[in-house]
Amino acid sequence: IDVTLVMSHLARADEPEHPANEQQRLEFERLRRMLPPAPASLANSSGIFLGQPFHYDLARPGAALYGINPTPAQENPMLPVVRLQAKIIQTRSLERGAGVGYGHIFHVTDSLIAATISLGYADGWHRRAASAAWFENVRLPFLGRVSMDSIVLDISALPPGRLKAGDLVELIGPSQTVDQAAGHAGTIGYEILTSLGHRFHRRYVNG
């Protein structure tokens, strides 16, 4: 048999104190000894932070490369690098009493300036993933439900005319990380990123 790589995947790597990690590593060692010599790989993003014995010849960082926290019970050792932006397609004034979105679950209590962005659940954005977008560190709350192709924002916190059609607001970035968006949705950062659909223009920037 020609073995080019011996590989396994840790089941509980994001729980660094769990004994299952060392048990699995020892079982991995036992099985390796039964095979011809070959490079080995065990650690995913979380496994890398379990220490040198888990590193072997190859490590497989995945979500950590995108800034998702590989050590959920501790401070994130990674920098957030993903930025998700959406374009404003309309701004308008809303007067007191106006209803917003399907079901009018939001009613305007004081006049405000609203902006509609071209992003919705058809793009893979979870309806509960967050309750606001951001622009220049200013929080812009969602108004009403996330629709299939659009979300309405309250942009009253910005100076009049500061945002207009064609401008971009941020849904994932320094002000709201992937993990924070996932927390709002009751899921994990992996699902937030892998759900983002083909309609997004993706731009990759070298470090």
Protein backbone atom coordinates (compact mmCIF):
# COMPACT_ATOMS: atom_id res chain seq x y z
CA ILE A 1 0.00 0.00 0.00
CA ASP A 2 1.28 3.46 -0.94
CA VAL A 3 0.35 5.87 1.86
CA THR A 4 0.86 9.55 1.04
CA LEU A 5 -0.87 11.08 4.08
CA VAL A 6 -2.44 9.89 7.31
CA MET A 7 -5.19 12.26 8.38
CA SER A 8 -7.93 12.51 10.98
CA HIS A 9 -10.16 15.27 12.36
CA LEU A 10 -10.67 16.15 16.01
CA ALA A 11 -14.26 15.92 17.23
CA ARG A 12 -13.90 18.29 20.20
CA ALA A 13 -10.96 20.52 19.35
CA ASP A 14 -12.90 23.66 20.31
CA GLU A 15 -13.07 22.31 23.89
CA PRO A 16 -9.35 22.44 24.78
CA GLU A 17 -9.71 20.86 28.21
CA HIS A 18 -11.80 17.92 27.07
CA PRO A 19 -10.04 14.55 27.52
CA ALA A 20 -11.43 13.32 24.19
CA ASN A 21 -8.77 15.35 22.39
CA GLU A 22 -5.84 13.51 23.93
CA GLN A 23 -7.67 10.19 23.63
CA GLN A 24 -8.17 10.78 19.93
CA ARG A 25 -4.55 11.84 19.48
CA LEU A 26 -3.32 8.64 21.14
CA GLU A 27 -5.62 6.53 18.97
CA PHE A 28 -4.31 8.41 15.93
CA GLU A 29 -0.75 7.52 17.01
CA ARG A 30 -1.69 3.87 17.43
CA LEU A 31 -3.18 3.66 13.95
CA ARG A 32 -0.21 5.48 12.40
CA ARG A 33 2.12 2.81 13.72
CA MET A 34 0.14 0.22 11.77
CA LEU A 35 0.80 1.99 8.47
CA PRO A 36 3.90 2.68 6.39
CA PRO A 37 5.69 5.92 7.32
CA ALA A 38 3.91 8.96 5.89
CA PRO A 39 3.21 12.60 6.77
CA ALA A 40 0.39 13.07 9.26
CA SER A 41 -2.27 15.71 9.86
CA LEU A 42 -4.68 16.00 12.78
CA ALA A 43 -5.19 19.65 13.73
CA ASN A 44 -7.85 21.92 12.29
CA SER A 45 -8.08 25.60 13.30
CA SER A 46 -8.99 24.78 16.90
CA GLY A 47 -6.60 21.85 17.05
CA ILE A 48 -3.64 24.10 16.29
CA PHE A 49 -4.20 25.78 19.66
CA LEU A 50 -4.11 22.48 21.55
CA GLY A 51 -0.33 22.51 21.39
CA GLN A 52 2.63 21.07 19.54
CA PRO A 53 1.75 17.37 19.98
CA PHE A 54 -1.31 17.91 17.77
CA HIS A 55 0.53 19.66 14.93
CA TYR A 56 2.32 16.78 13.20
CA ASP A 57 3.52 17.48 9.65
CA LEU A 58 0.55 19.46 8.37
CA ALA A 59 -2.08 21.58 10.08
CA ARG A 60 -5.35 22.55 8.42
CA PRO A 61 -6.39 26.07 9.41
CA GLY A 62 -9.76 26.85 7.91
CA ALA A 63 -12.20 29.15 9.67
CA ALA A 64 -9.38 30.81 11.62
CA LEU A 65 -8.02 32.21 8.35
CA TYR A 66 -11.24 34.23 8.11
CA GLY A 67 -10.98 35.52 11.67
CA ILE A 68 -13.49 33.13 13.24
CA ASN A 69 -12.53 32.37 16.82
CA PRO A 70 -10.96 28.88 17.00
CA THR A 71 -10.97 29.03 20.83
CA PRO A 72 -14.61 29.95 21.63
CA ALA A 73 -14.19 29.90 25.41
CA GLN A 74 -11.28 32.35 25.24
CA GLU A 75 -10.45 35.67 23.64
CA ASN A 76 -10.15 35.38 19.88
CA PRO A 77 -6.44 35.06 18.94
CA MET A 78 -7.24 35.87 15.30
CA LEU A 79 -7.82 39.23 13.64
CA PRO A 80 -11.15 39.77 11.83
CA VAL A 81 -10.40 39.88 8.11
CA VAL A 82 -13.81 39.36 6.49
CA ARG A 83 -15.78 42.42 5.48
CA LEU A 84 -19.33 42.13 4.13
CA GLN A 85 -20.83 45.24 2.59
CA ALA A 86 -24.16 46.02 0.95
CA LYS A 87 -25.16 48.84 -1.35
CA ILE A 88 -27.82 51.41 -0.56
CA ILE A 89 -30.48 51.48 -3.26
CA GLN A 90 -32.80 54.10 -1.77
CA THR A 91 -33.08 56.65 1.03
CA ARG A 92 -36.30 58.31 2.14
CA SER A 93 -37.99 60.10 5.01
CA LEU A 94 -40.54 58.19 7.08
CA GLU A 95 -43.12 59.97 9.16
CA ARG A 96 -44.60 58.97 12.47
CA GLY A 97 -47.06 56.08 12.15
CA ALA A 98 -45.54 54.59 8.98
CA GLY A 99 -45.15 50.81 8.91
CA VAL A 100 -42.00 49.18 7.57
CA GLY A 101 -41.60 45.85 5.84
CA TYR A 102 -43.73 42.73 5.68
CA GLY A 103 -46.34 42.64 8.41
CA HIS A 104 -45.44 46.19 9.46
CA ILE A 105 -43.78 44.78 12.58
CA PHE A 106 -41.99 48.12 12.96
CA HIS A 107 -43.95 51.35 13.23
CA VAL A 108 -42.24 54.74 13.17
CA THR A 109 -42.73 56.62 16.45
CA ASP A 110 -40.69 59.68 15.48
CA SER A 111 -39.88 60.80 11.95
CA LEU A 112 -36.65 59.28 10.66
CA ILE A 113 -34.48 58.77 7.59
CA ALA A 114 -34.48 55.22 6.24
CA ALA A 115 -32.21 53.51 3.74
CA THR A 116 -32.90 50.30 1.84
CA ILE A 117 -29.93 48.04 1.11
CA SER A 118 -29.73 45.35 -1.57
CA LEU A 119 -29.15 42.36 0.66
CA GLY A 120 -31.55 39.76 2.04
CA TYR A 121 -32.04 36.15 2.93
CA ALA A 122 -31.83 35.12 -0.75
CA ASP A 123 -28.17 36.12 -0.49
CA GLY A 124 -27.72 33.74 2.43
CA TRP A 125 -27.97 36.40 5.13
CA HIS A 126 -29.71 34.84 8.13
CA ARG A 127 -32.83 36.71 9.19
CA ARG A 128 -31.60 36.73 12.78
CA ALA A 129 -27.88 37.18 12.08
CA ALA A 130 -27.79 40.79 13.26
CA SER A 131 -30.03 43.73 13.99
CA ALA A 132 -27.92 46.51 12.49
CA ALA A 133 -25.46 47.54 9.82
CA TRP A 134 -22.58 49.96 10.37
CA PHE A 135 -21.15 53.00 8.64
CA GLU A 136 -18.03 54.76 9.93
CA ASN A 137 -18.51 53.15 13.38
CA VAL A 138 -22.13 54.36 13.55
CA ARG A 139 -24.74 51.68 14.24
CA LEU A 140 -27.67 51.68 11.80
CA PRO A 141 -30.52 49.56 13.20
CA PHE A 142 -32.65 47.31 11.00
CA LEU A 143 -36.28 48.38 10.66
CA GLY A 144 -38.77 45.54 10.31
CA ARG A 145 -38.02 42.14 8.86
CA VAL A 146 -35.13 41.03 6.68
CA SER A 147 -36.74 40.49 3.26
CA MET A 148 -35.67 38.24 0.41
CA ASP A 149 -33.61 40.89 -1.37
CA SER A 150 -33.56 43.91 0.92
CA ILE A 151 -33.25 45.30 4.44
CA VAL A 152 -34.38 48.72 5.65
CA LEU A 153 -32.08 50.68 7.99
CA ASP A 154 -32.56 53.68 10.23
CA ILE A 155 -29.79 56.09 9.23
CA SER A 156 -31.01 59.04 11.31
CA ALA A 157 -27.85 58.91 13.46
CA LEU A 158 -25.85 60.21 10.49
CA PRO A 159 -25.82 63.80 9.23
CA PRO A 160 -28.52 64.44 6.60
CA GLY A 161 -27.29 63.47 3.15
CA ARG A 162 -24.25 61.57 4.49
CA LEU A 163 -25.50 58.33 2.93
CA LYS A 164 -27.04 58.15 -0.52
CA ALA A 165 -27.92 55.55 -3.12
CA GLY A 166 -24.81 53.69 -4.24
CA ASP A 167 -22.95 54.03 -0.94
CA LEU A 168 -21.90 50.93 1.00
CA VAL A 169 -22.70 49.96 4.57
CA GLU A 170 -21.07 47.15 6.51
CA LEU A 171 -22.70 44.05 7.98
CA ILE A 172 -19.54 42.14 8.88
CA GLY A 173 -16.30 43.88 9.76
CA PRO A 174 -14.48 45.43 12.71
CA SER A 175 -17.70 46.74 14.27
CA GLN A 176 -19.59 43.46 13.92
CA THR A 177 -17.56 40.29 13.51
CA VAL A 178 -18.57 36.99 11.96
CA ASP A 179 -18.81 35.44 15.43
CA GLN A 180 -21.03 38.26 16.69
CA ALA A 181 -23.37 37.89 13.72
CA ALA A 182 -23.47 34.15 14.39
CA GLY A 183 -24.29 34.75 18.04
CA HIS A 184 -27.33 36.81 17.05
CA ALA A 185 -28.51 33.99 14.78
CA GLY A 186 -27.91 31.26 17.35
CA THR A 187 -25.43 29.51 15.11
CA ILE A 188 -21.68 29.42 14.43
CA GLY A 189 -19.44 31.58 12.29
CA TYR A 190 -18.82 28.71 9.86
CA GLU A 191 -22.51 28.70 8.91
CA ILE A 192 -22.65 32.47 8.45
CA LEU A 193 -19.78 32.44 5.96
CA THR A 194 -20.69 29.27 4.07
CA SER A 195 -24.28 30.49 3.65
CA LEU A 196 -23.27 33.62 1.75
CA GLY A 197 -24.42 33.09 -1.81
CA HIS A 198 -23.10 33.61 -5.31
CA ARG A 199 -24.67 37.06 -5.71
CA PHE A 200 -21.95 38.63 -3.59
CA HIS A 201 -18.96 40.05 -5.42
CA ARG A 202 -15.92 38.62 -3.67
CA ARG A 203 -12.62 40.44 -3.53
CA TYR A 204 -9.53 38.78 -2.08
CA VAL A 205 -6.82 41.02 -0.68
CA ASN A 206 -3.30 39.76 0.04
CA GLY A 207 -1.95 40.20 3.56
